[in-house]
Amino acid sequence: MEAGQRRSSTTAVALEALTKRFGRQRGIERVSLEVQAGEVLGFLGPNGAGKSTTIRLVVGLLLPTSGSVRVFGSDPRHDVSVRRRIGYLPGELALYPSLSGAELIGRVALMRGGVEPRRVDQLVERLRVELDRPIRALSKGNRQKVGLILAFMHQPDLLVLDEPSSGLDPLLQEEFEGLVRERVRDGATVFLSSHDLDEVDRVVDRVAIIRRGRLVGVDTLDQLRQRAPRLVEVRFAEPVDPTRILALPGVRALDANATELRLEVTGPLGELLQAVQPLGVADLTARPASLDAIFRSFYEDIPRGEEIHAY
């Protein structure tokens, strides 16, 4: 997305030194972050890193241990008018199992003071939702569609979405992404947590990466890619001694022999190109880092299994 064309100077979400602890268990620690109106922020991290805790604080479902949350300038725990401007889809979606989709949507619409029926009908048609069956009889994907309708139907100014496309087939994922883009064109802000990195890559303006309860990176995808290692593959016409190449700053060998090199290169490629050029290069390819590679680079030094004790 083209963040620069949409952003205004209005801050939709402001977290300042936000901390939440669960007894001795880690929650989040001193998270400070601003999300501008009209922006789509991807909030990324592995299970247990603190994503859902942060999200519940943003929508006012948890009380911070310290620090502050402001949504459109107000505390969502105390300002009902602000909560009405939020559309929330939790990662652990719990719906009333005995109600049908139509009954649940009707009750939530009534609680919101009424929702335009035409808007609900449009969402039902686009997402192909089964409304007549009890929630307990629906598949995970169909329950997720009901959750999406509940989040989008009142045309909120802030969408807070935790794994929103979970259980959706590829065509409905495209439809969901279309709904996000439409809301943003109308001025809405989106706070999106997702493990689907392709989806994140397609819809977000910036990403914020959380690690062990602390924010470790916030930037646009373009800027993160520029700083991330690139994968470079070099094939030589004749066997060469790669020692000098592998000693270059910013170069790490993934696989190396006398005729082929697979390298991870951080920073400009100029020195590498100068080093290989006299050696008879038969082929050379350089690929930018994928979002998956960028994401993993923030976590590669964490011991296996460490995150499972976090919330």
Foldseek 3Di string as FASTA:
>chain_A
DPVVVQFDPFWFKWWAQFAADDVPFGAAGGATDTFTWLFEEEEEDDPQLHPLVVLCQQLQNDDTPDTAMAGSHHRNVPDVVSNLQEQEQHPPDDDDQAAFLVVRLVVLCVVSVHFPVVLLVVLCVLLVADGPDGNNPDDPQNVLSSSVCSRPRRLHQEYEYAQSCPPPDPSNLVSVLVSVVVSSVVGHYYYYYHPPQVSCVPRGQWYWYGGNNYTDDIDGPVVLQLQFWKKKKWFAPDFDDCVVLCPDPQWHFPDDDRGMTIITGGDDCVVNCVVCVVRHTPDMDIGTDRPVRSNVVVPVPPPPPPSPRHD
